[in-house]
Amino acid sequence: MSRTPSGLSVPDPSRRSLLRGIGGAAVVAGAGIPLLTACGGSGTAADPKTVSLGSNASDAVPKKAFADIYAAFKSRSGITVDVNTKDHNTFQEQINSYLQGTPDDVFNWFAGYRMQFFAAKNLATPIDDVWQKIGGDFPDAMKALSKGEDGKYYFVPLYTYPWAVFYRKSVFAQFGYQVPTTWEQFVALCKQMKKDNLVPIAFGDKDAWPALGTFDQINFRTNGYDFHVELMAGKASWTDAKVRTAFDHWAEILPYHQDGSIGRTWQDAAQTLVSKKAGMYLLGTFVAQQFTDKADLDDLDFFAFPSIDPAYGQDTVEAPTDGFMVSKSPKNHAGVVELLEYLGTPEAESIYLKADPSVVAASSKADTSSYSALQKKAYDMIGGAKHLTQFMDRDSRPDFTSTVMQPALQKFVRDPKGIDSLLSSIERQKKTIFASA
């Protein structure tokens, strides 16, 4: 994931095209990219007043936000956080080799499957002792995102943001539209918007990742959170009838998506919502970046993707979450525990959000008094979720999503009629990829 100008994490297709899987080999120095290594090196003795930290926060906004947190931590603990910052994309391309070598004590990473992958390979240290201290500050869904497959904690979340359906309040008021909560209401609204000469659903999939988020919403609304997790982990089959049902739902609303989406960026699609030419847009809260006029931004609102199967309702929210993990053999374990306990506090989150207001705190006890209306709503949506997902390229193997799912979903968007052969192709490729190390 790369950083947008305001600091939000959004998928970067150019990085994905280079990535060969978190289980694959890292890019070597001979290819022109310096190897990701720890600050101190393997021969450095432990310093009780220093914790080393491998950071992927190379962009200015998050880099400053993290620096502010570490300065505050040093003031209260006397422990210096020795930050080893690498280019965001390089960090992720080399993370596997980095963790198998002599990594820093702590490193930035992502919740969910991307965390569980390294925990299962014994490349991370369990932090149940930290969670005994910070557990009361997080909702159950955030706790679940921080656990490995063995039930132990490996991750401390810092910030997050939801995906939802965005709309203009003034447009809904002008036409008398009501926010839909069921699939039937949503489809009916799409039909009415088309009659009113609006583009019902703004859509731009030139970079191939927005469609991943659309599938996620439809899949977990149709089949539930558990099936979503099994499918993303390569355990459920893409030829399962449940998957076909999800695609059938998508095919039903595909005619209401913006034409020419494969040649349009998400930013260009967002502009049709800004100009009131489109009625709705399914995306992460970073869509607000495109609303540069305050009056337009104040007119922006969102709602949770509608329920499809009442058994699952709207209880799952897609909320990519960033935070911290501990490497396999940290030199200063006591300092690491103290740092992570601090990073899990509402105070640390508040410091971060002052420098980067484009996201919301992961903690349920964070100070939300300075939040904008959209931030408050995003925070409430995440905090009230029964389950949280992490977006397809974080809930699954990135080599699978980049080489298989992105082109497959673009093919579906172009021609939804050949879905059975498409799903068979996805399943064949999935078996090969997930069978590799």
Protein backbone atom coordinates (compact mmCIF):
# COMPACT_ATOMS: atom_id res chain seq x y z
CA MET A 1 0.00 0.00 0.00
CA SER A 2 1.30 3.45 -0.82
CA ARG A 3 0.47 6.78 0.75
CA THR A 4 -1.77 9.37 -0.80
CA PRO A 5 -0.81 13.09 -0.45
CA SER A 6 -2.77 13.38 2.78
CA GLY A 7 -1.24 10.27 4.27
CA LEU A 8 -3.95 7.68 3.75
CA SER A 9 -2.90 4.17 2.78
CA VAL A 10 -4.26 3.20 -0.61
CA PRO A 11 -3.22 0.37 -2.92
CA ASP A 12 -0.44 1.10 -5.40
CA PRO A 13 -0.69 -0.99 -8.58
CA SER A 14 2.87 -0.17 -9.66
CA ARG A 15 4.15 -1.78 -6.46
CA ARG A 16 1.91 -4.78 -6.90
CA SER A 17 3.24 -5.35 -10.39
CA LEU A 18 6.72 -5.75 -8.88
CA LEU A 19 5.67 -7.80 -5.88
CA ARG A 20 6.10 -11.53 -6.14
CA GLY A 21 4.43 -12.42 -2.90
CA ILE A 22 5.28 -12.01 0.72
CA GLY A 23 6.51 -15.57 0.63
CA GLY A 24 8.82 -14.91 -2.30
CA ALA A 25 12.33 -13.57 -2.60
CA ALA A 26 13.12 -9.98 -1.81
CA VAL A 27 14.57 -7.55 -4.31
CA VAL A 28 18.35 -7.70 -4.08
CA ALA A 29 20.82 -4.86 -3.88
CA GLY A 30 22.19 -5.76 -7.28
CA ALA A 31 18.85 -4.76 -8.78
CA GLY A 32 19.48 -1.18 -7.76
CA ILE A 33 17.48 -1.13 -4.51
CA PRO A 34 19.39 -1.12 -1.21
CA LEU A 35 18.58 -4.04 1.03
CA LEU A 36 16.36 -3.39 4.00
CA THR A 37 18.47 -3.96 7.12
CA ALA A 38 18.22 -3.20 10.80
CA CYS A 39 19.60 -0.02 12.36
CA GLY A 40 22.22 -1.59 14.56
CA GLY A 41 23.27 -4.75 12.76
CA SER A 42 23.64 -8.25 14.14
CA GLY A 43 26.64 -7.47 16.32
CA THR A 44 25.14 -4.58 18.27
CA ALA A 45 24.65 -5.25 21.98
CA ALA A 46 21.31 -4.47 23.57
CA ASP A 47 20.91 -0.93 24.88
CA PRO A 48 18.21 -0.77 27.59
CA LYS A 49 17.49 2.84 26.64
CA THR A 50 17.05 2.22 22.91
CA VAL A 51 14.45 0.36 20.85
CA SER A 52 15.07 0.00 17.10
CA LEU A 53 12.10 0.34 14.78
CA GLY A 54 11.81 -0.47 11.07
CA SER A 55 9.49 2.05 9.47
CA ASN A 56 7.70 2.12 6.11
CA ALA A 57 6.45 5.67 6.82
CA SER A 58 8.63 7.37 4.22
CA ASP A 59 6.13 10.04 3.16
CA ALA A 60 6.30 13.39 4.94
CA VAL A 61 2.92 13.38 6.73
CA PRO A 62 3.09 9.96 8.42
CA LYS A 63 6.83 10.30 9.03
CA LYS A 64 6.28 13.46 11.09
CA ALA A 65 3.26 11.95 12.86
CA PHE A 66 5.28 8.94 14.00
CA ALA A 67 8.25 11.12 14.98
CA ASP A 68 5.94 13.12 17.27
CA ILE A 69 4.80 9.92 18.98
CA TYR A 70 8.35 8.66 19.54
CA ALA A 71 9.43 12.04 20.95
CA ALA A 72 6.55 11.94 23.43
CA PHE A 73 7.45 8.37 24.38
CA LYS A 74 11.07 9.34 25.05
CA SER A 75 9.95 12.23 27.26
CA ARG A 76 7.95 9.92 29.51
CA SER A 77 10.14 6.78 29.44
CA GLY A 78 13.68 7.93 28.70
CA ILE A 79 13.82 5.34 25.89
CA THR A 80 14.92 6.45 22.44
CA VAL A 81 13.18 4.94 19.41
CA ASP A 82 15.93 4.51 16.80
CA VAL A 83 13.89 4.71 13.58
CA ASN A 84 15.10 2.95 10.43
CA THR A 85 12.91 4.45 7.68
CA LYS A 86 12.84 2.90 4.22
CA ASP A 87 10.86 3.74 1.12
CA HIS A 88 7.32 2.42 1.61
CA ASN A 89 7.34 0.16 -1.44
CA THR A 90 10.88 -1.12 -0.86
CA PHE A 91 9.98 -2.01 2.72
CA GLN A 92 7.10 -4.18 1.61
CA GLU A 93 8.97 -5.81 -1.26
CA GLN A 94 11.81 -6.86 1.06
CA ILE A 95 9.90 -7.58 4.26
CA ASN A 96 10.32 -11.37 4.08
CA SER A 97 14.12 -11.34 3.80
CA TYR A 98 14.32 -8.50 6.32
CA LEU A 99 12.46 -10.47 8.98
CA GLN A 100 14.57 -13.60 8.35
CA GLY A 101 17.79 -11.63 8.77
CA THR A 102 18.58 -9.27 11.67
CA PRO A 103 15.53 -7.02 11.76
CA ASP A 104 14.82 -4.09 14.07
CA ASP A 105 13.06 -4.77 17.37
CA VAL A 106 9.71 -3.39 16.16
CA PHE A 107 8.37 -2.76 12.66
CA ASN A 108 5.41 -1.08 10.98
CA TRP A 109 2.96 -3.48 9.36
CA PHE A 110 -0.70 -4.29 8.63
CA ALA A 111 -3.39 -6.10 10.59
CA GLY A 112 -5.14 -9.30 9.55
CA TYR A 113 -3.77 -11.88 7.13
CA ARG A 114 -0.62 -9.92 6.31
CA MET A 115 0.27 -10.05 10.02
CA GLN A 116 -0.78 -13.69 10.45
CA PHE A 117 1.45 -14.80 7.57
CA PHE A 118 4.65 -13.81 9.40
CA ALA A 119 3.37 -14.93 12.79
CA ALA A 120 2.75 -18.42 11.37
CA LYS A 121 6.33 -18.51 10.05
CA ASN A 122 7.71 -17.65 13.52
CA LEU A 123 9.10 -14.37 12.23
CA ALA A 124 7.26 -12.33 14.87
CA THR A 125 7.07 -12.36 18.66
CA PRO A 126 3.74 -12.83 20.49
CA ILE A 127 2.77 -9.80 22.57
CA ASP A 128 0.04 -11.15 24.84
CA ASP A 129 1.76 -9.39 27.75
CA VAL A 130 1.21 -6.05 26.01
CA TRP A 131 -2.45 -6.80 25.37
CA GLN A 132 -3.01 -7.55 29.05
CA LYS A 133 -2.30 -3.85 29.54
CA ILE A 134 -3.99 -2.31 26.47
CA GLY A 135 -6.83 -4.77 25.79
CA GLY A 136 -9.50 -2.68 27.48
CA ASP A 137 -8.92 0.17 25.04
CA PHE A 138 -9.93 -1.71 21.87
CA PRO A 139 -13.20 -3.14 20.52
CA ASP A 140 -13.50 -6.89 19.99
CA ALA A 141 -13.27 -6.61 16.21
CA MET A 142 -9.94 -4.79 16.50
CA LYS A 143 -8.69 -7.43 18.93
CA ALA A 144 -9.53 -10.17 16.41
CA LEU A 145 -7.52 -8.36 13.72
CA SER A 146 -4.48 -8.37 16.01
CA LYS A 147 -4.36 -12.12 16.66
CA GLY A 148 -2.44 -14.82 14.83
CA GLU A 149 -3.96 -18.13 13.82
CA ASP A 150 -2.66 -19.57 17.11
CA GLY A 151 -4.87 -17.16 19.08
CA LYS A 152 -1.94 -15.12 20.38
CA TYR A 153 -1.58 -11.38 19.87
CA TYR A 154 1.07 -10.16 17.42
CA PHE A 155 -0.08 -6.66 16.48
CA VAL A 156 -0.85 -3.27 18.05
CA PRO A 157 -3.21 -1.21 15.84
CA LEU A 158 -2.83 2.57 15.60
CA TYR A 159 -5.19 3.93 12.95
CA THR A 160 -7.78 2.80 10.43
CA TYR A 161 -10.45 4.02 7.99
CA PRO A 162 -13.59 2.44 6.50
CA TRP A 163 -14.89 1.76 3.03
CA ALA A 164 -18.49 2.90 2.49
CA VAL A 165 -20.90 4.30 -0.09
CA PHE A 166 -20.39 8.07 -0.42
CA TYR A 167 -23.01 10.55 -1.61
CA ARG A 168 -23.91 14.24 -1.65
CA LYS A 169 -26.54 15.19 0.93
CA SER A 170 -27.85 17.96 -1.31
CA VAL A 171 -28.37 15.55 -4.22
CA PHE A 172 -30.32 13.12 -2.05
CA ALA A 173 -32.40 16.01 -0.73
CA GLN A 174 -33.01 17.42 -4.22
CA PHE A 175 -34.38 14.14 -5.58
CA GLY A 176 -35.92 12.87 -2.36
CA TYR A 177 -33.68 9.81 -2.15
CA GLN A 178 -33.54 7.72 1.01
CA VAL A 179 -30.39 5.93 2.23
CA PRO A 180 -30.82 2.25 1.32
CA THR A 181 -30.18 -0.43 3.93
CA THR A 182 -31.16 -3.50 1.87
CA TRP A 183 -30.05 -4.79 -1.52
CA GLU A 184 -33.54 -4.34 -2.95
CA GLN A 185 -33.61 -0.70 -1.87
CA PHE A 186 -30.12 -0.17 -3.30
CA VAL A 187 -31.02 -1.61 -6.70
CA ALA A 188 -34.22 0.44 -6.77
CA LEU A 189 -32.25 3.58 -5.97
CA CYS A 190 -29.79 2.84 -8.79
CA LYS A 191 -32.70 2.51 -11.23
CA GLN A 192 -34.23 5.78 -10.06
CA MET A 193 -30.93 7.65 -10.33
CA LYS A 194 -30.55 6.45 -13.90
CA LYS A 195 -34.05 7.77 -14.68
CA ASP A 196 -32.99 11.08 -13.12
CA ASN A 197 -30.02 11.24 -15.54
CA LEU A 198 -27.42 10.61 -12.88
CA VAL A 199 -24.61 8.07 -12.99
CA PRO A 200 -25.85 5.81 -10.17
CA ILE A 201 -22.43 4.49 -9.11
CA ALA A 202 -19.21 6.37 -9.89
CA PHE A 203 -16.46 3.88 -10.76
CA GLY A 204 -12.84 4.04 -11.89
CA ASP A 205 -10.78 0.85 -12.07
CA LYS A 206 -7.85 1.91 -14.24
CA ASP A 207 -5.43 1.01 -11.44
CA ALA A 208 -7.25 -2.32 -10.90
CA TRP A 209 -7.64 -2.12 -7.11
CA PRO A 210 -11.05 -0.41 -6.64
CA ALA A 211 -12.87 -3.48 -8.00
CA LEU A 212 -11.25 -5.55 -5.22
CA GLY A 213 -13.11 -3.43 -2.68
CA THR A 214 -16.40 -3.77 -4.56
CA PHE A 215 -16.12 -7.55 -4.57
CA ASP A 216 -15.27 -7.60 -0.86
CA GLN A 217 -18.43 -5.68 0.06
CA ILE A 218 -20.72 -7.86 -2.05
CA ASN A 219 -19.04 -11.09 -0.93
CA PHE A 220 -19.22 -10.57 2.82
CA ARG A 221 -22.73 -9.14 2.59
CA THR A 222 -23.77 -12.22 0.58
CA ASN A 223 -21.77 -14.94 2.33
CA GLY A 224 -20.66 -13.52 5.67
CA TYR A 225 -17.37 -12.69 7.31
CA ASP A 226 -16.22 -16.28 7.92
CA PHE A 227 -16.54 -17.26 4.27
CA HIS A 228 -14.75 -14.06 3.23
CA VAL A 229 -11.80 -15.00 5.47
CA GLU A 230 -11.72 -18.58 4.17
CA LEU A 231 -11.84 -17.40 0.54
CA MET A 232 -9.11 -14.81 1.00
CA ALA A 233 -6.88 -17.34 2.79
CA GLY A 234 -7.14 -19.76 -0.13
CA LYS A 235 -9.13 -22.30 1.88
CA ALA A 236 -12.53 -21.88 0.20
CA SER A 237 -12.99 -22.54 -3.51
CA TRP A 238 -13.66 -19.80 -6.06
CA THR A 239 -15.93 -22.27 -7.86
CA ASP A 240 -18.15 -22.55 -4.78
CA ALA A 241 -21.77 -21.63 -5.54
CA LYS A 242 -21.52 -18.92 -2.88
CA VAL A 243 -18.92 -17.06 -4.95
CA ARG A 244 -21.08 -17.36 -8.07
CA THR A 245 -23.99 -15.86 -6.12
CA ALA A 246 -21.85 -12.89 -5.11
CA PHE A 247 -20.88 -12.28 -8.74
CA ASP A 248 -24.52 -12.59 -9.79
CA HIS A 249 -25.36 -9.76 -7.38
CA TRP A 250 -22.54 -7.68 -8.79
CA ALA A 251 -23.73 -8.37 -12.34
CA GLU A 252 -27.15 -7.06 -11.32
CA ILE A 253 -25.80 -3.62 -10.47
CA LEU A 254 -22.95 -3.51 -12.99
CA PRO A 255 -25.14 -1.70 -15.58
CA TYR A 256 -25.46 1.13 -13.06
CA HIS A 257 -21.70 1.56 -12.75
CA GLN A 258 -20.01 4.37 -14.61
CA ASP A 259 -19.18 3.46 -18.22
CA GLY A 260 -15.54 3.20 -19.28
CA SER A 261 -14.35 2.42 -15.77
CA ILE A 262 -11.25 0.47 -16.85
CA GLY A 263 -9.82 3.64 -18.37
CA ARG A 264 -10.65 5.91 -15.44
CA THR A 265 -8.71 6.55 -12.20
CA TRP A 266 -10.44 6.65 -8.84
CA GLN A 267 -9.71 10.37 -8.65
CA ASP A 268 -11.49 11.05 -11.95
CA ALA A 269 -14.44 8.95 -10.82
CA ALA A 270 -14.58 10.94 -7.59
CA GLN A 271 -14.85 14.15 -9.58
CA THR A 272 -18.21 12.99 -10.96
CA LEU A 273 -19.46 12.86 -7.37
CA VAL A 274 -17.96 16.29 -6.70
CA SER A 275 -19.73 17.72 -9.77
CA LYS A 276 -23.02 16.00 -8.82
CA LYS A 277 -23.07 13.98 -12.01
CA ALA A 278 -22.93 10.72 -10.02
CA GLY A 279 -25.21 9.77 -7.17
CA MET A 280 -23.01 7.34 -5.22
CA TYR A 281 -19.41 6.11 -4.95
CA LEU A 282 -18.09 3.03 -3.13
CA LEU A 283 -14.58 3.74 -1.82
CA GLY A 284 -12.49 4.42 1.27
CA THR A 285 -12.76 7.69 3.16
CA PHE A 286 -9.78 9.01 1.22
CA VAL A 287 -12.34 10.00 -1.43
CA ALA A 288 -12.76 13.14 0.67
CA GLN A 289 -9.38 14.34 -0.61
CA GLN A 290 -11.04 15.18 -3.91
CA PHE A 291 -13.48 17.59 -2.20
CA THR A 292 -11.21 20.61 -2.03
CA ASP A 293 -14.02 23.14 -1.54
CA LYS A 294 -15.21 23.23 2.08
CA ALA A 295 -18.87 23.59 1.12
CA ASP A 296 -18.59 20.48 -1.07
CA LEU A 297 -16.80 18.59 1.68
CA ASP A 298 -19.46 19.55 4.21
CA ASP A 299 -22.05 18.17 1.77
CA LEU A 300 -20.32 14.78 1.62
CA ASP A 301 -21.76 11.86 3.58
CA PHE A 302 -21.70 8.06 3.46
CA PHE A 303 -23.61 4.95 4.45
CA ALA A 304 -22.67 1.30 5.02
CA PHE A 305 -22.98 -0.97 2.01
CA PRO A 306 -26.53 -2.39 2.15
CA SER A 307 -27.46 -5.79 3.54
CA ILE A 308 -27.86 -8.63 1.05
CA ASP A 309 -28.47 -11.65 3.30
CA PRO A 310 -30.27 -10.63 6.52
CA ALA A 311 -28.31 -13.33 8.36
CA TYR A 312 -25.19 -11.17 7.98
CA GLY A 313 -26.82 -7.75 7.80
CA GLN A 314 -24.30 -4.90 7.79
CA ASP A 315 -22.16 -6.24 10.62
CA THR A 316 -18.89 -6.40 8.65
CA VAL A 317 -16.92 -3.25 7.82
CA GLU A 318 -13.90 -3.07 5.52
CA ALA A 319 -11.36 -1.07 7.52
CA PRO A 320 -7.67 -1.33 6.56
CA THR A 321 -5.66 -1.00 9.77
CA ASP A 322 -2.00 -0.06 10.27
CA GLY A 323 0.12 -0.58 13.35
CA PHE A 324 3.15 -2.41 14.80
CA MET A 325 4.66 -5.87 15.22
CA VAL A 326 7.68 -7.24 17.08
CA SER A 327 10.42 -9.16 15.25
CA LYS A 328 11.41 -12.72 16.20
CA SER A 329 14.30 -11.85 18.57
CA PRO A 330 14.13 -8.25 19.79
CA LYS A 331 17.33 -7.12 21.52
CA ASN A 332 15.55 -4.94 24.09
CA HIS A 333 12.43 -6.89 24.98
CA ALA A 334 11.60 -4.82 28.06
CA GLY A 335 11.86 -1.60 26.06
CA VAL A 336 9.75 -3.08 23.29
CA VAL A 337 6.96 -3.96 25.72
CA GLU A 338 7.03 -0.45 27.17
CA LEU A 339 6.92 1.11 23.69
CA LEU A 340 4.04 -1.04 22.46
CA GLU A 341 2.05 -0.41 25.61
CA TYR A 342 2.42 3.29 24.88
CA LEU A 343 1.58 2.91 21.19
CA GLY A 344 -1.66 1.24 22.27
CA THR A 345 -2.80 4.26 24.29
CA PRO A 346 -5.33 6.90 23.23
CA GLU A 347 -2.60 9.47 23.92
CA ALA A 348 -0.32 8.07 21.22
CA GLU A 349 -3.18 7.91 18.74
CA SER A 350 -4.14 11.50 19.50
CA ILE A 351 -0.59 12.66 18.78
CA TYR A 352 -0.61 10.84 15.44
CA LEU A 353 -3.98 12.22 14.38
CA LYS A 354 -2.91 15.80 15.04
CA ALA A 355 -0.34 15.43 12.27
CA ASP A 356 -2.44 13.15 10.04
CA PRO A 357 -6.19 13.89 10.33
CA SER A 358 -7.09 11.77 7.31
CA VAL A 359 -7.58 8.60 9.39
CA VAL A 360 -9.29 7.62 12.65
CA ALA A 361 -7.93 6.03 15.81
CA ALA A 362 -8.15 2.27 16.28
CA SER A 363 -8.80 2.61 20.02
CA SER A 364 -12.35 2.75 21.36
CA LYS A 365 -11.17 5.24 24.01
CA ALA A 366 -9.53 7.75 21.68
CA ASP A 367 -10.36 11.45 21.98
CA THR A 368 -12.72 12.21 19.09
CA SER A 369 -13.51 15.80 20.09
CA SER A 370 -11.45 17.25 17.25
CA TYR A 371 -12.82 14.87 14.61
CA SER A 372 -14.67 16.21 11.59
CA ALA A 373 -18.23 14.97 11.02
CA LEU A 374 -16.94 12.39 8.54
CA GLN A 375 -14.23 11.21 10.95
CA LYS A 376 -16.76 10.81 13.74
CA LYS A 377 -19.07 8.79 11.53
CA ALA A 378 -16.17 6.66 10.31
CA TYR A 379 -15.03 6.07 13.88
CA ASP A 380 -18.55 5.04 14.97
CA MET A 381 -18.95 2.70 11.99
CA ILE A 382 -15.69 0.89 12.76
CA GLY A 383 -16.27 0.82 16.50
CA GLY A 384 -19.75 -0.64 16.05
CA ALA A 385 -18.72 -3.38 13.62
CA LYS A 386 -19.00 -7.01 14.61
CA HIS A 387 -16.25 -7.92 12.13
CA LEU A 388 -13.55 -5.91 10.37
CA THR A 389 -11.90 -6.86 7.10
CA GLN A 390 -8.71 -5.45 5.62
CA PHE A 391 -9.28 -5.07 1.86
CA MET A 392 -8.50 -7.97 -0.47
CA ASP A 393 -4.78 -7.33 -0.95
CA ARG A 394 -4.28 -7.35 2.83
CA ASP A 395 -6.65 -10.21 3.61
CA SER A 396 -5.02 -12.42 1.00
CA ARG A 397 -1.63 -13.01 -0.58
CA PRO A 398 -0.61 -9.93 -2.56
CA ASP A 399 0.84 -12.04 -5.38
CA PHE A 400 -2.56 -13.68 -5.77
CA THR A 401 -4.47 -10.41 -5.77
CA SER A 402 -2.08 -8.65 -8.15
CA THR A 403 -1.50 -11.38 -10.73
CA VAL A 404 -4.86 -13.15 -10.59
CA MET A 405 -7.66 -11.14 -9.02
CA GLN A 406 -6.97 -7.70 -10.48
CA PRO A 407 -7.01 -8.82 -14.13
CA ALA A 408 -9.85 -11.27 -13.43
CA LEU A 409 -12.12 -8.60 -11.98
CA GLN A 410 -11.33 -6.21 -14.80
CA LYS A 411 -12.30 -8.96 -17.23
CA PHE A 412 -15.57 -9.43 -15.34
CA VAL A 413 -16.30 -5.70 -15.42
CA ARG A 414 -15.76 -5.69 -19.20
CA ASP A 415 -17.84 -8.84 -19.77
CA PRO A 416 -19.80 -10.36 -16.87
CA LYS A 417 -21.21 -13.19 -19.02
CA GLY A 418 -18.25 -15.58 -18.82
CA ILE A 419 -18.23 -15.84 -15.05
CA ASP A 420 -18.08 -19.66 -14.72
CA SER A 421 -14.93 -20.04 -16.82
CA LEU A 422 -13.43 -17.02 -15.07
CA LEU A 423 -13.99 -18.53 -11.61
CA SER A 424 -12.52 -21.85 -12.75
CA SER A 425 -9.42 -20.01 -13.96
CA ILE A 426 -9.11 -18.13 -10.66
CA GLU A 427 -9.37 -21.38 -8.69
CA ARG A 428 -6.69 -23.11 -10.77
CA GLN A 429 -4.26 -20.23 -10.32
CA LYS A 430 -5.09 -19.93 -6.64
CA LYS A 431 -4.15 -23.55 -5.97
CA THR A 432 -0.75 -23.03 -7.61
CA ILE A 433 0.03 -19.80 -5.75
CA PHE A 434 -1.12 -20.90 -2.32
CA ALA A 435 0.79 -24.16 -2.66
CA SER A 436 4.05 -22.19 -2.94
CA ALA A 437 6.04 -21.20 0.14
